[in-house]
Every structure is written in C-alpha cells, then in structure tokens.
C-alpha cells in the first residue's frame, strides 16, 4: 500500500468508475466475436495491447530491470490461468448475454475460498464453508441444470471463474512482492507472448475498424484496472470489495442497450445469493485478520 494520505471517498469514486467502464470489454469482445474474429485473437488483443499500455506505468514504478519477473515460470503459469479464464469468458459470450455470463462468473470468490483452504492451508471455518455451499446453490439457480436447456456458454463462464480463482490463489501466494500495476504488466506480457504463438494458425487480418475496437478493448482494460489499483491506494479492501458487484448493473444495462438482452428473475435471485455469500466470506476474512481479495484487478 502506498504511503500517502488516504481519501476513502476518492477510492470509492474510482472503484465505481472502474465498474462502470469495465463491462465495455465484454461488449467489444461480443461484437468482435459476432463479426467472425477468432476468440483467441480477441484475447490476444486484450493482453498484448494491454501490455503495451501498461508498460509506461510499470517502467515508472519498477524501472527496466523490474519488468521481467524474478520467477518467470511461476508467472508464466499465472498468465496461463488468466489466458484460460479470459478465453473461456469471451467464448461464453458466444452463447450467453453479458449479464448471465458475469452472473455465473461470480462463483470465482467462492472457488478462491476453497482453493485457499486446500492449497494455501488457510483456516476456513464452518460458517464460511456454509457460505461457499450456499453460493454454489446460487450458481445452480442461475444455470438450472435439468430445469432449463443448459447451453455451453454456462459451463464456459463457470470454467472462467474457476481458472481466475486459480490465478488469484497464485497471486495471493506472492502478494506484496511487487506493485499491482507491475504484476499486471508482467502477466499481460507473458500472456501476450503465449497467445502470439497460439493465434498465428487462426489469425484473421482485422479491418481498420476492428483494430480500433482492439485498441478500445485494451484501453478500457488497462485504465479500468489502473483506476482499481488507485482506488486501493485510497481505501481499504473491505470497503471497496462490495463495490465490485456494481459491475452487474452496468453489464445488465449494456447488454440491454447493445444486444436487447435482459436476465430473468432466476438469474437475479442466483446473483443475489452469490453476492451475499461472497460479501459474507469477505467480512469473515476481515474479522480473522486476513486481507480480502482485491476484486477485479485482473478480471476477464
């Protein structure tokens, strides 16, 4: 945490601003997918161009020598999980409205809790295990297997949440070793390198307009996440974490405006359960002296 005067109201404003603009990533990804561009190529633009845009901030914070991670194989694995999460989430948008995909993706904090107990050996009491179980019930309400036709998008959105949970657990294990913007650059750089090789066989040369959308995608991701990093400089995670769920409001609005999509009542019920469980887990972590996970710093 930077040593500076904290202004919580600025932190709240920055967090709300970030949550208002970040769903634009999903809108652009869905538009590009509908125009026939491969999902891998869209993910490449998200990370490779994002690395270019975060480079000046990383240079200012760490200098040229601090750009390459000290444990490259560890960070390469983290980048692989982020690439997988982003790919699955963008692919889920092929079948699902943005708000529905995001609703299922909200399972991610619950999986983080499970993996933190199993892998990091963090203490998880019965009440938090109960919140995790109830949260998965909320996910089932959204997906409704056996009661409604389950399309592949639901499982890809769930997989995106699981992959990002693995990414966050690896991030927790190295928290405090570098500034969040530096690790964001490193992850984007390594992810971009991975995708540069994978994308070549399916590459479709974008039109000038699509290059513009690529740039907009990376710009929103970069500066939306920069707003989140700055928000955590001004306010505590316990204050800001609940605000991350206001992203759902923007997602519903943009999905309705651009694609005429609107979630049904079951989706809203499942989202309410998931958010309630995630907030309870966050409060329990604060009560036990653990820092709640900063939400949204490197989401798809």
C-alpha atoms as a PDB file:
ATOM      1  CA  UNK A   1       0.000   0.000   0.000  1.00  0.00           C
ATOM      2  CA  UNK A   2       1.397   3.396  -0.930  1.00  0.00           C
ATOM      3  CA  UNK A   3       2.362   5.669   1.971  1.00  0.00           C
ATOM      4  CA  UNK A   4       0.022   8.551   1.320  1.00  0.00           C
ATOM      5  CA  UNK A   5      -2.978  10.289   2.810  1.00  0.00           C
ATOM      6  CA  UNK A   6      -5.985   8.030   2.398  1.00  0.00           C
ATOM      7  CA  UNK A   7      -9.155   9.560   0.995  1.00  0.00           C
ATOM      8  CA  UNK A   8     -11.815   6.834   1.071  1.00  0.00           C
ATOM      9  CA  UNK A   9     -14.309   8.892  -0.933  1.00  0.00           C
ATOM     10  CA  UNK A  10     -11.794   9.057  -3.801  1.00  0.00           C
ATOM     11  CA  UNK A  11     -11.258   5.317  -3.546  1.00  0.00           C
ATOM     12  CA  UNK A  12     -14.995   4.684  -3.706  1.00  0.00           C
ATOM     13  CA  UNK A  13     -15.379   7.014  -6.699  1.00  0.00           C
ATOM     14  CA  UNK A  14     -12.511   5.322  -8.559  1.00  0.00           C
ATOM     15  CA  UNK A  15     -13.897   1.858  -7.865  1.00  0.00           C
ATOM     16  CA  UNK A  16     -17.398   2.798  -9.020  1.00  0.00           C
ATOM     17  CA  UNK A  17     -15.938   4.428 -12.124  1.00  0.00           C
ATOM     18  CA  UNK A  18     -13.957   1.290 -12.944  1.00  0.00           C
ATOM     19  CA  UNK A  19     -17.012  -0.928 -12.511  1.00  0.00           C
ATOM     20  CA  UNK A  20     -18.958   1.414 -14.812  1.00  0.00           C
ATOM     21  CA  UNK A  21     -16.470   1.100 -17.690  1.00  0.00           C
ATOM     22  CA  UNK A  22     -15.014  -2.428 -17.420  1.00  0.00           C
ATOM     23  CA  UNK A  23     -18.115  -4.217 -18.841  1.00  0.00           C
ATOM     24  CA  UNK A  24     -17.288  -2.359 -22.051  1.00  0.00           C
ATOM     25  CA  UNK A  25     -14.614  -5.048 -22.515  1.00  0.00           C
ATOM     26  CA  UNK A  26     -17.337  -7.682 -22.752  1.00  0.00           C
ATOM     27  CA  UNK A  27     -19.438  -5.616 -25.156  1.00  0.00           C
ATOM     28  CA  UNK A  28     -16.476  -5.173 -27.523  1.00  0.00           C
ATOM     29  CA  UNK A  29     -15.483  -8.855 -27.254  1.00  0.00           C
ATOM     30  CA  UNK A  30     -19.044  -9.935 -28.072  1.00  0.00           C
ATOM     31  CA  UNK A  31     -19.209  -7.557 -31.066  1.00  0.00           C
ATOM     32  CA  UNK A  32     -15.852  -8.772 -32.429  1.00  0.00           C
ATOM     33  CA  UNK A  33     -16.913 -12.395 -31.977  1.00  0.00           C
ATOM     34  CA  UNK A  34     -20.125 -11.746 -33.914  1.00  0.00           C
ATOM     35  CA  UNK A  35     -18.020 -10.234 -36.702  1.00  0.00           C
ATOM     36  CA  UNK A  36     -16.207 -13.542 -37.102  1.00  0.00           C
ATOM     37  CA  UNK A  37     -12.878 -12.880 -35.397  1.00  0.00           C
ATOM     38  CA  UNK A  38     -11.473 -15.900 -33.510  1.00  0.00           C
ATOM     39  CA  UNK A  39     -11.827 -15.687 -29.734  1.00  0.00           C
ATOM     40  CA  UNK A  40      -8.099 -16.421 -29.337  1.00  0.00           C
ATOM     41  CA  UNK A  41      -7.311 -13.337 -31.397  1.00  0.00           C
ATOM     42  CA  UNK A  42      -9.603 -11.166 -29.249  1.00  0.00           C
ATOM     43  CA  UNK A  43      -7.895 -12.443 -26.089  1.00  0.00           C
ATOM     44  CA  UNK A  44      -4.514 -11.720 -27.718  1.00  0.00           C
ATOM     45  CA  UNK A  45      -5.553  -8.108 -28.285  1.00  0.00           C
ATOM     46  CA  UNK A  46      -6.752  -7.832 -24.682  1.00  0.00           C
ATOM     47  CA  UNK A  47      -3.369  -8.920 -23.272  1.00  0.00           C
ATOM     48  CA  UNK A  48      -0.751  -7.979 -25.871  1.00  0.00           C
ATOM     49  CA  UNK A  49      -2.031  -4.439 -26.416  1.00  0.00           C
ATOM     50  CA  UNK A  50      -2.696  -4.208 -22.676  1.00  0.00           C
ATOM     51  CA  UNK A  51       0.988  -4.939 -22.046  1.00  0.00           C
ATOM     52  CA  UNK A  52       1.956  -2.045 -24.326  1.00  0.00           C
ATOM     53  CA  UNK A  53      -0.408   0.312 -22.500  1.00  0.00           C
ATOM     54  CA  UNK A  54       0.737  -0.705 -19.008  1.00  0.00           C
ATOM     55  CA  UNK A  55       4.432  -0.543 -19.959  1.00  0.00           C
ATOM     56  CA  UNK A  56       4.889   3.185 -19.119  1.00  0.00           C
ATOM     57  CA  UNK A  57       3.352   2.700 -15.652  1.00  0.00           C
ATOM     58  CA  UNK A  58       5.451  -0.401 -14.950  1.00  0.00           C
ATOM     59  CA  UNK A  59       8.622   1.381 -16.074  1.00  0.00           C
ATOM     60  CA  UNK A  60       7.883   4.299 -13.786  1.00  0.00           C
ATOM     61  CA  UNK A  61       7.262   2.009 -10.794  1.00  0.00           C
ATOM     62  CA  UNK A  62       9.972  -0.634 -11.260  1.00  0.00           C
ATOM     63  CA  UNK A  63      12.413   0.582 -13.888  1.00  0.00           C
ATOM     64  CA  UNK A  64      13.667  -1.531 -16.813  1.00  0.00           C
ATOM     65  CA  UNK A  65      15.221  -4.199 -14.563  1.00  0.00           C
ATOM     66  CA  UNK A  66      11.970  -4.746 -12.695  1.00  0.00           C
ATOM     67  CA  UNK A  67       9.895  -5.504 -15.769  1.00  0.00           C
ATOM     68  CA  UNK A  68      10.843  -9.169 -16.062  1.00  0.00           C
ATOM     69  CA  UNK A  69       9.530 -11.264 -13.147  1.00  0.00           C
ATOM     70  CA  UNK A  70      12.012 -12.850 -10.753  1.00  0.00           C
ATOM     71  CA  UNK A  71      10.199 -16.208 -11.015  1.00  0.00           C
ATOM     72  CA  UNK A  72       9.294 -16.369 -14.727  1.00  0.00           C
ATOM     73  CA  UNK A  73       7.933 -19.937 -14.718  1.00  0.00           C
ATOM     74  CA  UNK A  74       5.626 -19.168 -11.805  1.00  0.00           C
ATOM     75  CA  UNK A  75       4.357 -16.008 -13.514  1.00  0.00           C
ATOM     76  CA  UNK A  76       4.035 -17.900 -16.803  1.00  0.00           C
ATOM     77  CA  UNK A  77       1.695 -20.354 -15.056  1.00  0.00           C
ATOM     78  CA  UNK A  78      -0.302 -17.424 -13.621  1.00  0.00           C
ATOM     79  CA  UNK A  79      -0.527 -15.915 -17.086  1.00  0.00           C
ATOM     80  CA  UNK A  80      -1.730 -19.259 -18.441  1.00  0.00           C
ATOM     81  CA  UNK A  81      -4.610 -19.287 -15.945  1.00  0.00           C
ATOM     82  CA  UNK A  82      -5.533 -15.697 -16.862  1.00  0.00           C
ATOM     83  CA  UNK A  83      -5.413 -16.512 -20.580  1.00  0.00           C
ATOM     84  CA  UNK A  84      -7.651 -19.548 -19.977  1.00  0.00           C
ATOM     85  CA  UNK A  85     -10.097 -17.506 -17.881  1.00  0.00           C
ATOM     86  CA  UNK A  86     -10.310 -14.727 -20.454  1.00  0.00           C
ATOM     87  CA  UNK A  87     -10.684 -17.168 -23.346  1.00  0.00           C
ATOM     88  CA  UNK A  88     -13.480 -19.103 -21.595  1.00  0.00           C
ATOM     89  CA  UNK A  89     -15.311 -15.938 -20.589  1.00  0.00           C
ATOM     90  CA  UNK A  90     -15.166 -14.390 -24.064  1.00  0.00           C
ATOM     91  CA  UNK A  91     -16.209 -17.744 -25.540  1.00  0.00           C
ATOM     92  CA  UNK A  92     -19.193 -17.906 -23.169  1.00  0.00           C
ATOM     93  CA  UNK A  93     -20.420 -14.621 -24.673  1.00  0.00           C
ATOM     94  CA  UNK A  94     -20.986 -16.508 -27.936  1.00  0.00           C
ATOM     95  CA  UNK A  95     -23.985 -18.190 -26.284  1.00  0.00           C
ATOM     96  CA  UNK A  96     -24.892 -16.079 -23.250  1.00  0.00           C
ATOM     97  CA  UNK A  97     -25.944 -12.489 -22.602  1.00  0.00           C
ATOM     98  CA  UNK A  98     -23.203 -10.497 -20.881  1.00  0.00           C
ATOM     99  CA  UNK A  99     -25.061 -10.250 -17.567  1.00  0.00           C
ATOM    100  CA  UNK A 100     -25.773 -14.008 -17.462  1.00  0.00           C
ATOM    101  CA  UNK A 101     -22.124 -14.869 -18.156  1.00  0.00           C
ATOM    102  CA  UNK A 102     -20.983 -12.447 -15.465  1.00  0.00           C
ATOM    103  CA  UNK A 103     -23.544 -13.837 -13.022  1.00  0.00           C
ATOM    104  CA  UNK A 104     -22.128 -17.357 -13.350  1.00  0.00           C
ATOM    105  CA  UNK A 105     -18.587 -15.962 -13.272  1.00  0.00           C
ATOM    106  CA  UNK A 106     -19.345 -14.573  -9.780  1.00  0.00           C
ATOM    107  CA  UNK A 107     -18.628 -18.089  -8.482  1.00  0.00           C
ATOM    108  CA  UNK A 108     -14.934 -17.120  -8.579  1.00  0.00           C
ATOM    109  CA  UNK A 109     -14.639 -15.767  -4.964  1.00  0.00           C
ATOM    110  CA  UNK A 110     -16.177 -18.998  -3.653  1.00  0.00           C
ATOM    111  CA  UNK A 111     -13.661 -21.147  -5.527  1.00  0.00           C
ATOM    112  CA  UNK A 112     -10.857 -18.914  -4.216  1.00  0.00           C
ATOM    113  CA  UNK A 113     -12.003 -19.745  -0.676  1.00  0.00           C
ATOM    114  CA  UNK A 114     -11.985 -23.490  -1.407  1.00  0.00           C
ATOM    115  CA  UNK A 115      -8.560 -23.417  -3.078  1.00  0.00           C
ATOM    116  CA  UNK A 116      -7.087 -21.186  -0.362  1.00  0.00           C
ATOM    117  CA  UNK A 117      -8.058 -23.818   2.209  1.00  0.00           C
ATOM    118  CA  UNK A 118      -6.821 -26.777   0.167  1.00  0.00           C
ATOM    119  CA  UNK A 119      -3.648 -25.291  -1.328  1.00  0.00           C
ATOM    120  CA  UNK A 120      -2.573 -22.371   0.880  1.00  0.00           C
ATOM    121  CA  UNK A 121      -3.797 -24.102   4.053  1.00  0.00           C
ATOM    122  CA  UNK A 122      -5.738 -21.026   5.146  1.00  0.00           C
ATOM    123  CA  UNK A 123      -8.165 -21.633   8.012  1.00  0.00           C
ATOM    124  CA  UNK A 124     -11.784 -21.769   6.813  1.00  0.00           C
ATOM    125  CA  UNK A 125     -14.425 -22.225   9.491  1.00  0.00           C
ATOM    126  CA  UNK A 126     -17.791 -23.959   9.196  1.00  0.00           C
ATOM    127  CA  UNK A 127     -19.677 -20.698   8.590  1.00  0.00           C
ATOM    128  CA  UNK A 128     -17.527 -19.822   5.594  1.00  0.00           C
ATOM    129  CA  UNK A 129     -17.854 -23.387   4.258  1.00  0.00           C
ATOM    130  CA  UNK A 130     -21.611 -22.938   4.623  1.00  0.00           C
ATOM    131  CA  UNK A 131     -21.433 -19.684   2.642  1.00  0.00           C
ATOM    132  CA  UNK A 132     -19.468 -21.474  -0.089  1.00  0.00           C
ATOM    133  CA  UNK A 133     -22.085 -24.250  -0.284  1.00  0.00           C
ATOM    134  CA  UNK A 134     -24.940 -21.747  -0.434  1.00  0.00           C
ATOM    135  CA  UNK A 135     -23.076 -19.789  -3.116  1.00  0.00           C
ATOM    136  CA  UNK A 136     -22.853 -22.869  -5.301  1.00  0.00           C
ATOM    137  CA  UNK A 137     -26.613 -23.290  -4.854  1.00  0.00           C
ATOM    138  CA  UNK A 138     -26.947 -19.745  -6.224  1.00  0.00           C
ATOM    139  CA  UNK A 139     -24.871 -20.784  -9.250  1.00  0.00           C
ATOM    140  CA  UNK A 140     -27.137 -23.779  -9.838  1.00  0.00           C
ATOM    141  CA  UNK A 141     -30.178 -21.487  -9.699  1.00  0.00           C
ATOM    142  CA  UNK A 142     -28.650 -19.399 -12.500  1.00  0.00           C
ATOM    143  CA  UNK A 143     -27.664 -22.402 -14.649  1.00  0.00           C
ATOM    144  CA  UNK A 144     -30.701 -24.558 -13.673  1.00  0.00           C
ATOM    145  CA  UNK A 145     -29.387 -27.904 -14.999  1.00  0.00           C
ATOM    146  CA  UNK A 146     -32.273 -30.274 -15.632  1.00  0.00           C
ATOM    147  CA  UNK A 147     -34.870 -27.483 -15.484  1.00  0.00           C
ATOM    148  CA  UNK A 148     -33.787 -25.356 -18.431  1.00  0.00           C
ATOM    149  CA  UNK A 149     -31.725 -26.071 -21.513  1.00  0.00           C
ATOM    150  CA  UNK A 150     -28.087 -25.606 -20.482  1.00  0.00           C
ATOM    151  CA  UNK A 151     -26.005 -24.225 -23.315  1.00  0.00           C
ATOM    152  CA  UNK A 152     -22.200 -24.488 -23.480  1.00  0.00           C
ATOM    153  CA  UNK A 153     -21.842 -20.829 -22.519  1.00  0.00           C
ATOM    154  CA  UNK A 154     -22.871 -21.575 -18.929  1.00  0.00           C
ATOM    155  CA  UNK A 155     -20.060 -24.090 -18.488  1.00  0.00           C
ATOM    156  CA  UNK A 156     -17.504 -21.822 -20.169  1.00  0.00           C
ATOM    157  CA  UNK A 157     -18.494 -18.973 -17.818  1.00  0.00           C
ATOM    158  CA  UNK A 158     -18.133 -21.335 -14.840  1.00  0.00           C
ATOM    159  CA  UNK A 159     -14.744 -22.503 -16.147  1.00  0.00           C
ATOM    160  CA  UNK A 160     -13.672 -18.855 -16.487  1.00  0.00           C
ATOM    161  CA  UNK A 161     -14.477 -18.289 -12.812  1.00  0.00           C
ATOM    162  CA  UNK A 162     -12.562 -21.441 -11.836  1.00  0.00           C
ATOM    163  CA  UNK A 163      -9.483 -20.508 -13.881  1.00  0.00           C
ATOM    164  CA  UNK A 164      -9.446 -16.974 -12.492  1.00  0.00           C
ATOM    165  CA  UNK A 165      -9.764 -18.387  -8.967  1.00  0.00           C
ATOM    166  CA  UNK A 166      -6.595 -20.424  -9.597  1.00  0.00           C
ATOM    167  CA  UNK A 167      -4.933 -17.261 -10.865  1.00  0.00           C
ATOM    168  CA  UNK A 168      -5.945 -15.326  -7.726  1.00  0.00           C
ATOM    169  CA  UNK A 169      -4.698 -18.087  -5.419  1.00  0.00           C
ATOM    170  CA  UNK A 170      -1.301 -17.961  -7.135  1.00  0.00           C
ATOM    171  CA  UNK A 171      -1.400 -14.175  -6.822  1.00  0.00           C
ATOM    172  CA  UNK A 172      -2.161 -14.416  -3.096  1.00  0.00           C
ATOM    173  CA  UNK A 173       0.949 -16.543  -2.620  1.00  0.00           C
ATOM    174  CA  UNK A 174       3.172 -13.715  -3.937  1.00  0.00           C
ATOM    175  CA  UNK A 175       1.168 -10.718  -2.704  1.00  0.00           C
ATOM    176  CA  UNK A 176       3.244  -7.744  -1.583  1.00  0.00           C
ATOM    177  CA  UNK A 177       6.314  -8.659  -3.640  1.00  0.00           C
ATOM    178  CA  UNK A 178       5.608  -6.096  -6.372  1.00  0.00           C
ATOM    179  CA  UNK A 179       3.190  -3.286  -7.159  1.00  0.00           C
ATOM    180  CA  UNK A 180      -0.119  -4.473  -8.635  1.00  0.00           C
ATOM    181  CA  UNK A 181       0.441  -2.488 -11.836  1.00  0.00           C
ATOM    182  CA  UNK A 182       3.851  -4.121 -12.322  1.00  0.00           C
ATOM    183  CA  UNK A 183       2.409  -7.622 -11.942  1.00  0.00           C
ATOM    184  CA  UNK A 184      -0.429  -6.627 -14.281  1.00  0.00           C
ATOM    185  CA  UNK A 185       2.147  -5.685 -16.928  1.00  0.00           C
ATOM    186  CA  UNK A 186       4.135  -8.883 -16.364  1.00  0.00           C
ATOM    187  CA  UNK A 187       1.029 -11.042 -16.648  1.00  0.00           C
ATOM    188  CA  UNK A 188      -0.157  -9.244 -19.781  1.00  0.00           C
ATOM    189  CA  UNK A 189       3.305  -9.534 -21.333  1.00  0.00           C
ATOM    190  CA  UNK A 190       3.626 -13.271 -20.689  1.00  0.00           C
ATOM    191  CA  UNK A 191       0.010 -13.893 -21.696  1.00  0.00           C
ATOM    192  CA  UNK A 192       0.555 -11.919 -24.884  1.00  0.00           C
ATOM    193  CA  UNK A 193       3.651 -13.996 -25.695  1.00  0.00           C
ATOM    194  CA  UNK A 194       1.722 -17.247 -25.167  1.00  0.00           C
ATOM    195  CA  UNK A 195      -1.136 -16.068 -27.353  1.00  0.00           C
ATOM    196  CA  UNK A 196       1.106 -14.704 -30.102  1.00  0.00           C
ATOM    197  CA  UNK A 197       2.158 -18.287 -30.822  1.00  0.00           C
ATOM    198  CA  UNK A 198      -1.316 -19.805 -30.409  1.00  0.00           C
ATOM    199  CA  UNK A 199      -3.113 -17.188 -32.510  1.00  0.00           C
ATOM    200  CA  UNK A 200      -0.992 -17.456 -35.668  1.00  0.00           C
ATOM    201  CA  UNK A 201      -2.779 -20.545 -37.110  1.00  0.00           C
ATOM    202  CA  UNK A 202      -6.224 -18.932 -36.751  1.00  0.00           C
ATOM    203  CA  UNK A 203      -5.266 -15.301 -37.427  1.00  0.00           C
ATOM    204  CA  UNK A 204      -7.781 -13.260 -39.403  1.00  0.00           C
ATOM    205  CA  UNK A 205      -6.489  -9.872 -40.519  1.00  0.00           C
ATOM    206  CA  UNK A 206      -8.693  -7.247 -38.825  1.00  0.00           C
ATOM    207  CA  UNK A 207     -10.262  -4.340 -40.651  1.00  0.00           C
ATOM    208  CA  UNK A 208      -9.278  -0.804 -39.559  1.00  0.00           C
ATOM    209  CA  UNK A 209     -12.490  -0.608 -37.538  1.00  0.00           C
ATOM    210  CA  UNK A 210     -11.686  -3.894 -35.783  1.00  0.00           C
ATOM    211  CA  UNK A 211      -8.171  -2.652 -34.966  1.00  0.00           C
ATOM    212  CA  UNK A 212      -9.882   0.346 -33.402  1.00  0.00           C
ATOM    213  CA  UNK A 213     -12.051  -1.985 -31.301  1.00  0.00           C
ATOM    214  CA  UNK A 214      -8.925  -3.935 -30.304  1.00  0.00           C
ATOM    215  CA  UNK A 215      -7.347  -0.696 -29.108  1.00  0.00           C
ATOM    216  CA  UNK A 216     -10.521   0.288 -27.253  1.00  0.00           C
ATOM    217  CA  UNK A 217     -10.634  -3.150 -25.598  1.00  0.00           C
ATOM    218  CA  UNK A 218      -7.069  -2.816 -24.309  1.00  0.00           C
ATOM    219  CA  UNK A 219      -7.603   0.816 -23.305  1.00  0.00           C
ATOM    220  CA  UNK A 220     -10.692   0.072 -21.205  1.00  0.00           C
ATOM    221  CA  UNK A 221      -8.992  -2.915 -19.570  1.00  0.00           C
ATOM    222  CA  UNK A 222      -5.776  -1.020 -18.826  1.00  0.00           C
ATOM    223  CA  UNK A 223      -7.215   2.168 -17.448  1.00  0.00           C
ATOM    224  CA  UNK A 224     -10.158   0.484 -15.755  1.00  0.00           C
ATOM    225  CA  UNK A 225      -7.693  -1.670 -13.829  1.00  0.00           C
ATOM    226  CA  UNK A 226      -5.465   1.349 -13.168  1.00  0.00           C
ATOM    227  CA  UNK A 227      -8.482   3.013 -11.533  1.00  0.00           C
ATOM    228  CA  UNK A 228      -8.895  -0.063  -9.320  1.00  0.00           C
ATOM    229  CA  UNK A 229      -5.226  -0.025  -8.309  1.00  0.00           C
ATOM    230  CA  UNK A 230      -5.506   3.654  -7.415  1.00  0.00           C
ATOM    231  CA  UNK A 231      -8.750   3.000  -5.533  1.00  0.00           C
ATOM    232  CA  UNK A 232      -6.919   0.538  -3.274  1.00  0.00           C
ATOM    233  CA  UNK A 233      -4.296   3.222  -2.624  1.00  0.00           C
ATOM    234  CA  UNK A 234      -7.013   5.413  -1.092  1.00  0.00           C
ATOM    235  CA  UNK A 235      -9.306   2.916   0.683  1.00  0.00           C
ATOM    236  CA  UNK A 236      -9.259  -0.468   2.364  1.00  0.00           C
ATOM    237  CA  UNK A 237     -10.185  -3.656   0.529  1.00  0.00           C
ATOM    238  CA  UNK A 238     -13.028  -4.313   2.964  1.00  0.00           C
ATOM    239  CA  UNK A 239     -14.681  -1.052   1.866  1.00  0.00           C
ATOM    240  CA  UNK A 240     -14.079  -1.468  -1.865  1.00  0.00           C
ATOM    241  CA  UNK A 241     -14.688  -5.210  -2.393  1.00  0.00           C
ATOM    242  CA  UNK A 242     -18.514  -4.956  -2.175  1.00  0.00           C
ATOM    243  CA  UNK A 243     -18.499  -2.169  -4.778  1.00  0.00           C
ATOM    244  CA  UNK A 244     -17.065  -4.571  -7.364  1.00  0.00           C
ATOM    245  CA  UNK A 245     -20.514  -6.122  -7.698  1.00  0.00           C
ATOM    246  CA  UNK A 246     -21.967  -2.875  -9.071  1.00  0.00           C
ATOM    247  CA  UNK A 247     -20.423  -4.114 -12.316  1.00  0.00           C
ATOM    248  CA  UNK A 248     -23.552  -6.231 -12.676  1.00  0.00           C
ATOM    249  CA  UNK A 249     -25.665  -3.061 -13.044  1.00  0.00           C
ATOM    250  CA  UNK A 250     -23.523  -1.830 -15.937  1.00  0.00           C
ATOM    251  CA  UNK A 251     -23.478  -5.283 -17.546  1.00  0.00           C
ATOM    252  CA  UNK A 252     -27.269  -5.539 -17.465  1.00  0.00           C
ATOM    253  CA  UNK A 253     -27.608  -2.023 -18.902  1.00  0.00           C
ATOM    254  CA  UNK A 254     -25.075  -2.521 -21.716  1.00  0.00           C
ATOM    255  CA  UNK A 255     -26.458  -5.959 -22.593  1.00  0.00           C
ATOM    256  CA  UNK A 256     -29.929  -4.462 -22.921  1.00  0.00           C
ATOM    257  CA  UNK A 257     -28.735  -1.428 -24.939  1.00  0.00           C
ATOM    258  CA  UNK A 258     -26.436  -3.258 -27.383  1.00  0.00           C
ATOM    259  CA  UNK A 259     -27.941  -6.739 -27.655  1.00  0.00           C
ATOM    260  CA  UNK A 260     -31.510  -6.437 -26.293  1.00  0.00           C
ATOM    261  CA  UNK A 261     -30.673  -8.988 -23.575  1.00  0.00           C
ATOM    262  CA  UNK A 262     -32.127  -8.913 -20.071  1.00  0.00           C
ATOM    263  CA  UNK A 263     -31.642 -11.527 -17.301  1.00  0.00           C
ATOM    264  CA  UNK A 264     -34.637 -13.403 -15.953  1.00  0.00           C
ATOM    265  CA  UNK A 265     -35.797 -13.471 -12.330  1.00  0.00           C
ATOM    266  CA  UNK A 266     -33.916 -16.705 -11.557  1.00  0.00           C
ATOM    267  CA  UNK A 267     -30.637 -15.115 -12.662  1.00  0.00           C
ATOM    268  CA  UNK A 268     -31.204 -12.132 -10.378  1.00  0.00           C
ATOM    269  CA  UNK A 269     -32.024 -14.479  -7.479  1.00  0.00           C
ATOM    270  CA  UNK A 270     -28.859 -16.512  -8.072  1.00  0.00           C
ATOM    271  CA  UNK A 271     -26.761 -13.358  -8.327  1.00  0.00           C
ATOM    272  CA  UNK A 272     -28.190 -12.049  -5.044  1.00  0.00           C
ATOM    273  CA  UNK A 273     -27.248 -15.314  -3.305  1.00  0.00           C
ATOM    274  CA  UNK A 274     -23.744 -15.342  -4.820  1.00  0.00           C
ATOM    275  CA  UNK A 275     -23.041 -11.718  -3.917  1.00  0.00           C
ATOM    276  CA  UNK A 276     -24.379 -12.200  -0.391  1.00  0.00           C
ATOM    277  CA  UNK A 277     -22.158 -15.243   0.155  1.00  0.00           C
ATOM    278  CA  UNK A 278     -19.078 -13.542  -1.305  1.00  0.00           C
ATOM    279  CA  UNK A 279     -19.602 -10.488   0.912  1.00  0.00           C
ATOM    280  CA  UNK A 280     -20.039 -12.688   3.978  1.00  0.00           C
ATOM    281  CA  UNK A 281     -16.774 -14.504   3.195  1.00  0.00           C
ATOM    282  CA  UNK A 282     -15.041 -11.136   2.756  1.00  0.00           C
ATOM    283  CA  UNK A 283     -16.316  -9.930   6.148  1.00  0.00           C
ATOM    284  CA  UNK A 284     -15.220 -13.166   7.836  1.00  0.00           C
ATOM    285  CA  UNK A 285     -11.736 -12.778   6.329  1.00  0.00           C
ATOM    286  CA  UNK A 286     -11.571  -9.245   7.725  1.00  0.00           C
ATOM    287  CA  UNK A 287     -12.700 -10.464  11.149  1.00  0.00           C
ATOM    288  CA  UNK A 288      -9.942 -13.108  11.118  1.00  0.00           C
ATOM    289  CA  UNK A 289      -7.313 -10.561  10.141  1.00  0.00           C
ATOM    290  CA  UNK A 290      -6.958 -11.737   6.550  1.00  0.00           C
ATOM    291  CA  UNK A 291      -6.987  -9.158   3.808  1.00  0.00           C
ATOM    292  CA  UNK A 292      -9.989  -9.616   1.482  1.00  0.00           C
ATOM    293  CA  UNK A 293      -9.006 -10.285  -2.105  1.00  0.00           C
ATOM    294  CA  UNK A 294      -9.000  -7.070  -4.189  1.00  0.00           C
ATOM    295  CA  UNK A 295     -11.772  -7.796  -6.658  1.00  0.00           C
ATOM    296  CA  UNK A 296     -11.499  -7.014 -10.344  1.00  0.00           C
ATOM    297  CA  UNK A 297      -7.800  -6.125 -10.612  1.00  0.00           C
ATOM    298  CA  UNK A 298      -7.248  -8.592 -13.462  1.00  0.00           C
ATOM    299  CA  UNK A 299     -10.585  -9.951 -14.452  1.00  0.00           C
ATOM    300  CA  UNK A 300     -11.521 -11.044 -18.000  1.00  0.00           C
END
